[in-house]
C-alpha atoms as a PDB file:
ATOM      1  CA  MET A   1       5.187  44.601 -37.104  1.00  0.00           C
ATOM      2  CA  SER A   2       2.802  43.799 -35.063  1.00  0.00           C
ATOM      3  CA  ILE A   3       3.630  41.268 -31.253  1.00  0.00           C
ATOM      4  CA  SER A   4       1.626  38.741 -32.463  1.00  0.00           C
ATOM      5  CA  HIS A   5       3.100  38.498 -35.737  1.00  0.00           C
ATOM      6  CA  TYR A   6       6.573  38.829 -34.514  1.00  0.00           C
ATOM      7  CA  LEU A   7       5.632  36.245 -32.043  1.00  0.00           C
ATOM      8  CA  ALA A   8       4.065  33.532 -35.164  1.00  0.00           C
ATOM      9  CA  SER A   9       7.234  34.561 -37.240  1.00  0.00           C
ATOM     10  CA  ALA A  10      10.142  33.954 -34.411  1.00  0.00           C
ATOM     11  CA  PRO A  11       8.932  30.450 -32.250  1.00  0.00           C
ATOM     12  CA  LEU A  12      11.843  31.024 -29.761  1.00  0.00           C
ATOM     13  CA  ALA A  13      10.836  34.062 -28.899  1.00  0.00           C
ATOM     14  CA  PHE A  14       7.046  32.903 -28.597  1.00  0.00           C
ATOM     15  CA  VAL A  15       8.157  29.795 -26.140  1.00  0.00           C
ATOM     16  CA  LEU A  16      10.328  32.052 -24.505  1.00  0.00           C
ATOM     17  CA  CYS A  17       7.750  34.349 -23.732  1.00  0.00           C
ATOM     18  CA  VAL A  18       4.982  31.671 -23.369  1.00  0.00           C
ATOM     19  CA  ALA A  19       7.773  30.125 -20.603  1.00  0.00           C
ATOM     20  CA  LEU A  20       7.774  33.479 -18.881  1.00  0.00           C
ATOM     21  CA  LEU A  21       4.360  33.939 -18.483  1.00  0.00           C
ATOM     22  CA  GLY A  22       4.572  30.030 -16.931  1.00  0.00           C
ATOM     23  CA  LEU A  23       6.736  30.970 -14.606  1.00  0.00           C
ATOM     24  CA  LEU A  24       4.438  33.765 -13.276  1.00  0.00           C
ATOM     25  CA  VAL A  25       1.914  31.564 -13.059  1.00  0.00           C
ATOM     26  CA  GLY A  26       3.622  28.919 -11.425  1.00  0.00           C
ATOM     27  CA  SER A  27       4.131  31.886  -8.614  1.00  0.00           C
ATOM     28  CA  PHE A  28       0.021  32.313  -8.499  1.00  0.00           C
ATOM     29  CA  LEU A  29      -0.310  28.524  -8.537  1.00  0.00           C
ATOM     30  CA  ASN A  30       1.611  28.300  -5.314  1.00  0.00           C
ATOM     31  CA  VAL A  31      -0.671  30.386  -3.648  1.00  0.00           C
ATOM     32  CA  VAL A  32      -4.086  28.450  -5.064  1.00  0.00           C
ATOM     33  CA  VAL A  33      -2.165  25.434  -3.796  1.00  0.00           C
ATOM     34  CA  TYR A  34      -2.224  26.930  -0.369  1.00  0.00           C
ATOM     35  CA  ARG A  35      -5.217  28.718  -0.029  1.00  0.00           C
ATOM     36  CA  LEU A  36      -7.636  26.974  -2.269  1.00  0.00           C
ATOM     37  CA  PRO A  37      -8.101  23.971   0.327  1.00  0.00           C
ATOM     38  CA  ILE A  38      -8.397  26.595   3.604  1.00  0.00           C
ATOM     39  CA  MET A  39     -11.257  28.182   1.721  1.00  0.00           C
ATOM     40  CA  MET A  40     -12.966  25.169   0.844  1.00  0.00           C
ATOM     41  CA  LYS A  41     -12.721  23.804   4.245  1.00  0.00           C
ATOM     42  CA  ARG A  42     -14.158  27.541   5.948  1.00  0.00           C
ATOM     43  CA  ASP A  43     -16.630  26.796   3.777  1.00  0.00           C
ATOM     44  CA  TRP A  44     -17.915  23.655   4.900  1.00  0.00           C
ATOM     45  CA  ARG A  45     -17.573  23.951   7.921  1.00  0.00           C
ATOM     46  CA  LYS A  46     -20.049  26.907   7.659  1.00  0.00           C
ATOM     47  CA  GLN A  47     -22.507  25.054   5.437  1.00  0.00           C
ATOM     48  CA  ALA A  48     -22.108  22.338   8.065  1.00  0.00           C
ATOM     49  CA  ARG A  49     -23.017  24.669  11.072  1.00  0.00           C
ATOM     50  CA  GLU A  50     -26.010  26.421   9.018  1.00  0.00           C
ATOM     51  CA  TYR A  51     -27.469  22.458   8.092  1.00  0.00           C
ATOM     52  CA  LEU A  52     -27.015  21.531  11.710  1.00  0.00           C
ATOM     53  CA  GLU A  53     -28.455  24.887  12.552  1.00  0.00           C
ATOM     54  CA  LEU A  54     -25.644  25.935  14.808  1.00  0.00           C
ATOM     55  CA  PRO A  55     -24.782  29.357  15.861  1.00  0.00           C
ATOM     56  CA  ALA A  56     -22.516  30.965  13.457  1.00  0.00           C
ATOM     57  CA  GLU A  57     -18.917  31.481  14.358  1.00  0.00           C
ATOM     58  CA  PRO A  58     -17.621  35.085  15.291  1.00  0.00           C
ATOM     59  CA  ASP A  59     -16.545  36.305  11.519  1.00  0.00           C
ATOM     60  CA  GLU A  60     -13.036  35.236  10.170  1.00  0.00           C
ATOM     61  CA  ALA A  61     -10.697  37.727   8.414  1.00  0.00           C
ATOM     62  CA  VAL A  62     -10.693  38.191   4.879  1.00  0.00           C
ATOM     63  CA  PHE A  63      -9.215  34.816   3.239  1.00  0.00           C
ATOM     64  CA  ASN A  64      -9.189  34.209  -0.376  1.00  0.00           C
ATOM     65  CA  LEU A  65      -6.767  34.081  -3.710  1.00  0.00           C
ATOM     66  CA  VAL A  66      -5.904  37.729  -3.372  1.00  0.00           C
ATOM     67  CA  LEU A  67      -5.824  38.721   0.551  1.00  0.00           C
ATOM     68  CA  PRO A  68      -4.305  38.783   2.657  1.00  0.00           C
ATOM     69  CA  ASN A  69      -1.337  39.877   1.380  1.00  0.00           C
ATOM     70  CA  SER A  70       1.543  36.975   1.427  1.00  0.00           C
ATOM     71  CA  ARG A  71       3.612  36.627   5.160  1.00  0.00           C
ATOM     72  CA  CYS A  72       6.449  34.830   6.330  1.00  0.00           C
ATOM     73  CA  PRO A  73       5.141  32.035   8.078  1.00  0.00           C
ATOM     74  CA  SER A  74       7.603  32.083  10.845  1.00  0.00           C
ATOM     75  CA  CYS A  75       7.696  35.181  11.664  1.00  0.00           C
ATOM     76  CA  GLY A  76       4.910  37.371  10.033  1.00  0.00           C
ATOM     77  CA  HIS A  77       6.539  39.639   7.944  1.00  0.00           C
ATOM     78  CA  ALA A  78       5.341  41.153   5.159  1.00  0.00           C
ATOM     79  CA  ILE A  79       6.379  40.164   1.325  1.00  0.00           C
ATOM     80  CA  ARG A  80       7.020  43.091  -0.511  1.00  0.00           C
ATOM     81  CA  ALA A  81       7.099  43.134  -4.356  1.00  0.00           C
ATOM     82  CA  TRP A  82      11.078  42.826  -4.718  1.00  0.00           C
ATOM     83  CA  GLU A  83      10.932  39.828  -2.629  1.00  0.00           C
ATOM     84  CA  ASN A  84       7.704  37.512  -4.430  1.00  0.00           C
ATOM     85  CA  ILE A  85       9.535  37.693  -8.198  1.00  0.00           C
ATOM     86  CA  PRO A  86       9.022  34.269  -9.272  1.00  0.00           C
ATOM     87  CA  LEU A  87      12.446  31.702  -8.801  1.00  0.00           C
ATOM     88  CA  VAL A  88      14.775  34.985  -8.781  1.00  0.00           C
ATOM     89  CA  SER A  89      13.254  36.514  -5.634  1.00  0.00           C
ATOM     90  CA  TRP A  90      14.127  33.013  -4.195  1.00  0.00           C
ATOM     91  CA  LEU A  91      17.547  32.868  -5.754  1.00  0.00           C
ATOM     92  CA  MET A  92      18.667  36.576  -3.913  1.00  0.00           C
ATOM     93  CA  LEU A  93      17.382  35.687  -0.606  1.00  0.00           C
ATOM     94  CA  ARG A  94      19.268  32.133  -0.629  1.00  0.00           C
ATOM     95  CA  GLY A  95      16.233  30.304   0.002  1.00  0.00           C
ATOM     96  CA  ARG A  96      15.823  32.467   3.361  1.00  0.00           C
ATOM     97  CA  CYS A  97      12.843  35.144   4.588  1.00  0.00           C
ATOM     98  CA  SER A  98      14.500  38.548   4.368  1.00  0.00           C
ATOM     99  CA  SER A  99      13.579  39.537   8.355  1.00  0.00           C
ATOM    100  CA  CYS A 100      14.085  36.020  10.198  1.00  0.00           C
ATOM    101  CA  LYS A 101      16.181  34.016   7.905  1.00  0.00           C
ATOM    102  CA  ALA A 102      14.149  31.172   8.055  1.00  0.00           C
ATOM    103  CA  PRO A 103      14.200  28.738   5.388  1.00  0.00           C
ATOM    104  CA  ILE A 104      11.680  29.068   2.431  1.00  0.00           C
ATOM    105  CA  SER A 105      10.402  25.752   0.836  1.00  0.00           C
ATOM    106  CA  THR A 106      12.191  24.948  -1.994  1.00  0.00           C
ATOM    107  CA  ARG A 107       8.880  23.568  -3.337  1.00  0.00           C
ATOM    108  CA  TYR A 108       7.570  27.442  -4.589  1.00  0.00           C
ATOM    109  CA  PRO A 109      10.600  27.784  -6.538  1.00  0.00           C
ATOM    110  CA  ILE A 110      10.324  24.276  -8.004  1.00  0.00           C
ATOM    111  CA  VAL A 111       6.562  24.873  -8.918  1.00  0.00           C
ATOM    112  CA  GLU A 112       7.857  28.031 -10.568  1.00  0.00           C
ATOM    113  CA  LEU A 113      10.210  26.670 -12.942  1.00  0.00           C
ATOM    114  CA  VAL A 114       8.226  23.229 -13.627  1.00  0.00           C
ATOM    115  CA  CYS A 115       5.088  25.241 -15.006  1.00  0.00           C
ATOM    116  CA  ALA A 116       7.660  27.535 -17.179  1.00  0.00           C
ATOM    117  CA  VAL A 117       9.227  24.512 -18.113  1.00  0.00           C
ATOM    118  CA  LEU A 118       5.837  22.764 -19.256  1.00  0.00           C
ATOM    119  CA  SER A 119       4.288  26.135 -20.324  1.00  0.00           C
ATOM    120  CA  GLY A 120       6.921  26.494 -23.257  1.00  0.00           C
ATOM    121  CA  TYR A 121       7.063  22.900 -23.975  1.00  0.00           C
ATOM    122  CA  VAL A 122       3.480  23.444 -24.708  1.00  0.00           C
ATOM    123  CA  ALA A 123       4.333  26.261 -26.748  1.00  0.00           C
ATOM    124  CA  TRP A 124       6.871  24.679 -28.754  1.00  0.00           C
ATOM    125  CA  HIS A 125       4.812  21.288 -29.334  1.00  0.00           C
ATOM    126  CA  PHE A 126       1.123  22.929 -30.687  1.00  0.00           C
ATOM    127  CA  GLY A 127       2.676  26.595 -31.820  1.00  0.00           C
ATOM    128  CA  MET A 128       0.719  29.422 -31.707  1.00  0.00           C
ATOM    129  CA  GLY A 129      -2.464  29.050 -31.707  1.00  0.00           C
ATOM    130  CA  TRP A 130      -5.722  28.650 -29.724  1.00  0.00           C
ATOM    131  CA  PRO A 131      -4.900  24.802 -28.762  1.00  0.00           C
ATOM    132  CA  THR A 132      -2.056  26.191 -27.110  1.00  0.00           C
ATOM    133  CA  ALA A 133      -4.087  28.455 -25.329  1.00  0.00           C
ATOM    134  CA  ALA A 134      -6.539  25.681 -24.204  1.00  0.00           C
ATOM    135  CA  VAL A 135      -3.615  23.170 -23.221  1.00  0.00           C
ATOM    136  CA  LEU A 136      -2.044  25.806 -21.390  1.00  0.00           C
ATOM    137  CA  LEU A 137      -4.980  26.165 -19.574  1.00  0.00           C
ATOM    138  CA  LEU A 138      -5.297  22.126 -19.312  1.00  0.00           C
ATOM    139  CA  THR A 139      -1.606  21.908 -17.934  1.00  0.00           C
ATOM    140  CA  TRP A 140      -1.624  24.643 -15.101  1.00  0.00           C
ATOM    141  CA  GLY A 141      -5.000  23.594 -13.889  1.00  0.00           C
ATOM    142  CA  LEU A 142      -3.264  19.865 -13.680  1.00  0.00           C
ATOM    143  CA  LEU A 143      -0.455  20.940 -11.813  1.00  0.00           C
ATOM    144  CA  ALA A 144      -2.211  23.120  -9.420  1.00  0.00           C
ATOM    145  CA  MET A 145      -4.899  19.882  -8.717  1.00  0.00           C
ATOM    146  CA  SER A 146      -2.077  17.152  -8.341  1.00  0.00           C
ATOM    147  CA  LEU A 147      -0.498  19.493  -5.725  1.00  0.00           C
ATOM    148  CA  ILE A 148      -3.728  19.427  -3.817  1.00  0.00           C
ATOM    149  CA  ASP A 149      -4.174  15.976  -3.906  1.00  0.00           C
ATOM    150  CA  ALA A 150      -0.928  15.355  -2.728  1.00  0.00           C
ATOM    151  CA  ASP A 151      -1.202  17.446   0.027  1.00  0.00           C
ATOM    152  CA  HIS A 152      -4.729  17.039   0.977  1.00  0.00           C
ATOM    153  CA  GLN A 153      -6.036  13.904  -1.128  1.00  0.00           C
ATOM    154  CA  LEU A 154      -8.572  16.565  -2.676  1.00  0.00           C
ATOM    155  CA  LEU A 155      -9.299  17.087  -6.120  1.00  0.00           C
ATOM    156  CA  PRO A 156     -11.406  20.535  -5.899  1.00  0.00           C
ATOM    157  CA  ASP A 157     -14.680  20.491  -8.212  1.00  0.00           C
ATOM    158  CA  VAL A 158     -13.434  24.272  -8.385  1.00  0.00           C
ATOM    159  CA  LEU A 159     -10.346  22.775 -10.608  1.00  0.00           C
ATOM    160  CA  VAL A 160     -11.564  19.700 -12.249  1.00  0.00           C
ATOM    161  CA  LEU A 161     -15.232  20.783 -13.901  1.00  0.00           C
ATOM    162  CA  PRO A 162     -14.554  23.967 -15.542  1.00  0.00           C
ATOM    163  CA  LEU A 163     -11.450  22.215 -17.224  1.00  0.00           C
ATOM    164  CA  LEU A 164     -13.894  19.457 -17.821  1.00  0.00           C
ATOM    165  CA  TRP A 165     -16.599  21.834 -19.709  1.00  0.00           C
ATOM    166  CA  LEU A 166     -13.699  23.678 -21.350  1.00  0.00           C
ATOM    167  CA  GLY A 167     -12.571  20.222 -22.724  1.00  0.00           C
ATOM    168  CA  LEU A 168     -16.095  19.869 -24.177  1.00  0.00           C
ATOM    169  CA  ILE A 169     -16.373  23.407 -25.712  1.00  0.00           C
ATOM    170  CA  VAL A 170     -12.719  22.920 -27.076  1.00  0.00           C
ATOM    171  CA  ASN A 171     -13.692  19.854 -29.192  1.00  0.00           C
ATOM    172  CA  ALA A 172     -16.774  21.655 -30.295  1.00  0.00           C
ATOM    173  CA  PHE A 173     -14.086  23.235 -32.783  1.00  0.00           C
ATOM    174  CA  GLY A 174     -12.502  19.740 -33.108  1.00  0.00           C
ATOM    175  CA  PHE A 175      -9.273  20.189 -31.339  1.00  0.00           C
ATOM    176  CA  PHE A 176      -8.112  17.483 -29.984  1.00  0.00           C
ATOM    177  CA  ALA A 177     -11.238  15.376 -31.142  1.00  0.00           C
ATOM    178  CA  SER A 178     -14.554  15.669 -32.480  1.00  0.00           C
ATOM    179  CA  LEU A 179     -17.303  16.734 -29.681  1.00  0.00           C
ATOM    180  CA  GLU A 180     -19.198  13.304 -30.140  1.00  0.00           C
ATOM    181  CA  ASP A 181     -15.559  11.211 -29.198  1.00  0.00           C
ATOM    182  CA  ALA A 182     -14.854  14.092 -26.119  1.00  0.00           C
ATOM    183  CA  LEU A 183     -18.347  13.603 -25.048  1.00  0.00           C
ATOM    184  CA  TRP A 184     -18.370   9.023 -24.740  1.00  0.00           C
ATOM    185  CA  GLY A 185     -14.487  10.273 -23.431  1.00  0.00           C
ATOM    186  CA  ALA A 186     -16.132  12.266 -20.463  1.00  0.00           C
ATOM    187  CA  VAL A 187     -18.844   9.621 -20.124  1.00  0.00           C
ATOM    188  CA  ALA A 188     -16.535   6.503 -19.996  1.00  0.00           C
ATOM    189  CA  GLY A 189     -14.032   8.090 -18.228  1.00  0.00           C
ATOM    190  CA  TYR A 190     -16.555   8.864 -15.479  1.00  0.00           C
ATOM    191  CA  LEU A 191     -18.091   5.393 -15.653  1.00  0.00           C
ATOM    192  CA  SER A 192     -14.814   3.214 -16.002  1.00  0.00           C
ATOM    193  CA  LEU A 193     -13.114   4.512 -12.535  1.00  0.00           C
ATOM    194  CA  TRP A 194     -17.120   4.565 -11.028  1.00  0.00           C
ATOM    195  CA  SER A 195     -17.228   0.607 -11.755  1.00  0.00           C
ATOM    196  CA  VAL A 196     -13.607   0.176 -10.614  1.00  0.00           C
ATOM    197  CA  TYR A 197     -14.543   1.883  -7.219  1.00  0.00           C
ATOM    198  CA  TRP A 198     -17.904   0.289  -6.228  1.00  0.00           C
ATOM    199  CA  LEU A 199     -16.441  -3.521  -7.461  1.00  0.00           C
ATOM    200  CA  PHE A 200     -13.543  -3.210  -4.985  1.00  0.00           C
ATOM    201  CA  ARG A 201     -16.291  -1.535  -2.686  1.00  0.00           C
ATOM    202  CA  MET A 202     -18.463  -4.636  -2.382  1.00  0.00           C
ATOM    203  CA  VAL A 203     -15.442  -7.189  -2.548  1.00  0.00           C
ATOM    204  CA  THR A 204     -13.356  -5.340   0.188  1.00  0.00           C
ATOM    205  CA  GLY A 205     -15.753  -3.665   2.128  1.00  0.00           C
ATOM    206  CA  LYS A 206     -13.172  -0.160   1.537  1.00  0.00           C
ATOM    207  CA  GLU A 207     -13.066   2.531  -0.350  1.00  0.00           C
ATOM    208  CA  GLY A 208     -10.131   2.279  -2.770  1.00  0.00           C
ATOM    209  CA  MET A 209     -10.349   6.340  -4.243  1.00  0.00           C
ATOM    210  CA  GLY A 210     -12.523   8.873  -4.190  1.00  0.00           C
ATOM    211  CA  TYR A 211     -14.802  10.521  -6.054  1.00  0.00           C
ATOM    212  CA  GLY A 212     -13.193  13.329  -7.658  1.00  0.00           C
ATOM    213  CA  ASP A 213     -10.388  10.877  -9.441  1.00  0.00           C
ATOM    214  CA  PHE A 214     -13.833   9.880 -11.552  1.00  0.00           C
ATOM    215  CA  LYS A 215     -14.422  13.565 -12.650  1.00  0.00           C
ATOM    216  CA  LEU A 216     -10.523  13.782 -13.327  1.00  0.00           C
ATOM    217  CA  LEU A 217     -11.003  10.796 -15.329  1.00  0.00           C
ATOM    218  CA  ALA A 218     -13.962  12.322 -16.800  1.00  0.00           C
ATOM    219  CA  MET A 219     -12.238  15.374 -17.872  1.00  0.00           C
ATOM    220  CA  LEU A 220      -9.172  14.088 -19.186  1.00  0.00           C
ATOM    221  CA  GLY A 221     -11.687  11.826 -21.677  1.00  0.00           C
ATOM    222  CA  ALA A 222     -13.647  15.085 -22.559  1.00  0.00           C
ATOM    223  CA  TRP A 223     -10.631  16.686 -23.938  1.00  0.00           C
ATOM    224  CA  GLY A 224      -8.413  13.702 -25.358  1.00  0.00           C
ATOM    225  CA  GLY A 225     -11.712  11.682 -26.412  1.00  0.00           C
ATOM    226  CA  TRP A 226     -12.094   8.304 -25.486  1.00  0.00           C
ATOM    227  CA  GLN A 227      -9.367   7.168 -27.445  1.00  0.00           C
ATOM    228  CA  VAL A 228      -7.008   8.460 -24.716  1.00  0.00           C
ATOM    229  CA  LEU A 229      -8.927   6.558 -21.772  1.00  0.00           C
ATOM    230  CA  PRO A 230      -7.036   3.216 -22.179  1.00  0.00           C
ATOM    231  CA  LEU A 231      -3.488   4.592 -22.055  1.00  0.00           C
ATOM    232  CA  THR A 232      -3.838   7.384 -19.365  1.00  0.00           C
ATOM    233  CA  ILE A 233      -5.499   4.492 -17.051  1.00  0.00           C
ATOM    234  CA  LEU A 234      -2.328   2.426 -18.112  1.00  0.00           C
ATOM    235  CA  LEU A 235       0.059   4.646 -17.647  1.00  0.00           C
ATOM    236  CA  SER A 236      -1.452   6.050 -14.573  1.00  0.00           C
ATOM    237  CA  SER A 237      -1.289   2.499 -12.839  1.00  0.00           C
ATOM    238  CA  LEU A 238       2.628   2.258 -13.867  1.00  0.00           C
ATOM    239  CA  VAL A 239       3.311   5.028 -12.565  1.00  0.00           C
ATOM    240  CA  GLY A 240       1.366   4.681  -9.657  1.00  0.00           C
ATOM    241  CA  ALA A 241       2.591   1.573  -8.602  1.00  0.00           C
ATOM    242  CA  ILE A 242       6.308   1.853  -9.032  1.00  0.00           C
ATOM    243  CA  LEU A 243       6.291   5.265  -7.569  1.00  0.00           C
ATOM    244  CA  GLY A 244       3.624   4.481  -5.016  1.00  0.00           C
ATOM    245  CA  THR A 245       5.802   1.768  -3.863  1.00  0.00           C
ATOM    246  CA  ILE A 246       8.959   3.925  -3.430  1.00  0.00           C
ATOM    247  CA  MET A 247       7.079   6.533  -1.527  1.00  0.00           C
ATOM    248  CA  LEU A 248       5.602   4.122   0.955  1.00  0.00           C
ATOM    249  CA  ARG A 249       9.007   2.385   1.483  1.00  0.00           C
ATOM    250  CA  LEU A 250      11.171   5.989   1.711  1.00  0.00           C
ATOM    251  CA  ARG A 251       8.382   6.745   4.555  1.00  0.00           C
ATOM    252  CA  ASN A 252       7.975   3.438   6.381  1.00  0.00           C
ATOM    253  CA  ALA A 253       4.345   3.677   6.060  1.00  0.00           C
ATOM    254  CA  ASP A 254       2.545   0.285   5.405  1.00  0.00           C
ATOM    255  CA  GLY A 255       0.612  -0.925   2.428  1.00  0.00           C
ATOM    256  CA  GLY A 256      -2.629   0.210   3.826  1.00  0.00           C
ATOM    257  CA  THR A 257      -1.425   3.700   3.557  1.00  0.00           C
ATOM    258  CA  PRO A 258      -3.542   6.384   1.261  1.00  0.00           C
ATOM    259  CA  ILE A 259      -1.797   7.624  -2.184  1.00  0.00           C
ATOM    260  CA  PRO A 260      -3.346   9.987  -4.052  1.00  0.00           C
ATOM    261  CA  PHE A 261      -4.028   8.707  -7.533  1.00  0.00           C
ATOM    262  CA  GLY A 262      -5.148  12.316  -9.138  1.00  0.00           C
ATOM    263  CA  PRO A 263      -1.522  13.157  -9.583  1.00  0.00           C
ATOM    264  CA  TYR A 264      -0.477   9.947 -11.916  1.00  0.00           C
ATOM    265  CA  LEU A 265      -3.995  10.405 -13.672  1.00  0.00           C
ATOM    266  CA  ALA A 266      -3.252  14.567 -14.131  1.00  0.00           C
ATOM    267  CA  ILE A 267       0.680  13.398 -15.798  1.00  0.00           C
ATOM    268  CA  ALA A 268      -0.458  10.393 -17.470  1.00  0.00           C
ATOM    269  CA  GLY A 269      -3.834  12.397 -19.038  1.00  0.00           C
ATOM    270  CA  TRP A 270      -1.381  15.005 -20.183  1.00  0.00           C
ATOM    271  CA  ILE A 271       1.180  12.749 -21.841  1.00  0.00           C
ATOM    272  CA  ALA A 272      -1.473  11.060 -23.163  1.00  0.00           C
ATOM    273  CA  LEU A 273      -3.217  14.191 -24.999  1.00  0.00           C
ATOM    274  CA  LEU A 274       0.400  15.301 -26.207  1.00  0.00           C
ATOM    275  CA  TRP A 275       1.987  12.240 -27.590  1.00  0.00           C
ATOM    276  CA  GLY A 276      -0.914   9.340 -27.386  1.00  0.00           C
ATOM    277  CA  ASP A 277      -0.906   8.618 -31.221  1.00  0.00           C
ATOM    278  CA  GLN A 278       3.013   8.374 -30.999  1.00  0.00           C
ATOM    279  CA  ILE A 279       3.085   6.163 -28.170  1.00  0.00           C
ATOM    280  CA  THR A 280      -0.073   3.682 -29.611  1.00  0.00           C
ATOM    281  CA  ALA A 281       1.874   3.663 -32.823  1.00  0.00           C
ATOM    282  CA  SER A 282       5.234   2.636 -31.778  1.00  0.00           C
ATOM    283  CA  TYR A 283       3.570  -0.082 -29.685  1.00  0.00           C
ATOM    284  CA  LEU A 284       1.468  -1.451 -32.273  1.00  0.00           C
ATOM    285  CA  GLN A 285       4.956  -1.641 -34.294  1.00  0.00           C
ATOM    286  CA  PHE A 286       6.995  -3.020 -31.740  1.00  0.00           C
ATOM    287  CA  ALA A 287       4.420  -5.881 -30.960  1.00  0.00           C
ATOM    288  CA  GLY A 288       4.445  -6.604 -34.976  1.00  0.00           C
ATOM    289  CA  PHE A 289       1.199  -5.071 -35.450  1.00  0.00           C
ATOM    290  CA  ARG A 290       2.170  -3.122 -38.189  1.00  0.00           C
END
């Protein structure tokens, strides 16, 4: 019996394998979340100097998602292979650098664990097949861009746009919506927040959100079709209002402090894609429409 046939006949083994894969991917996402914004800022600075016809800066050391090798930010100790095993190494090292004993952020193992749990759930929810592979890519992308937006208030096009196109491609095969619904979902997703942005700007003279949020909602519409947009907007607004208020109070910040909206959109869109029909049906039943 081949491995694929075994996993197809043993759902628990399939879920555990995907969760293990999610653990490994989560470790890589930590690298992406840290390095991608730095890479983008370097590229923007280079483009700005070229546009302004300024002398080029001295060549910087290679910095991408692969090089240089990971090091301790406190002492520069090169992270060895056994110190880079997702979750396990952090527990073995008791959350401290093996060289200088500086604390290692708990965010790293948390991201790895969350990625593993979400990946395992996607495998359990959809079973073995192409929809699982597609939603895993979406889940990993949403997790990475949510963390980047939380840190830098930035939703990188290099993550959002490929996933938008992938949503249209998978729905060309009718995985989650018809291609027509996916196309109009992308259009409606972008235009809905774009309209809110310009209305808010005309009324207040301020920018209420970034263009990355438009693209993110367009991407979610491309995956779930236009039908998921009302629920996504409702859930993201509700969660954003509650968590945003809590975060402002914890930080003792005022109401003018900008709050990234991307993570709330990502969470709401992921929920709407997996459970949108059940949530809508439960609400209609509760409201007495069914």
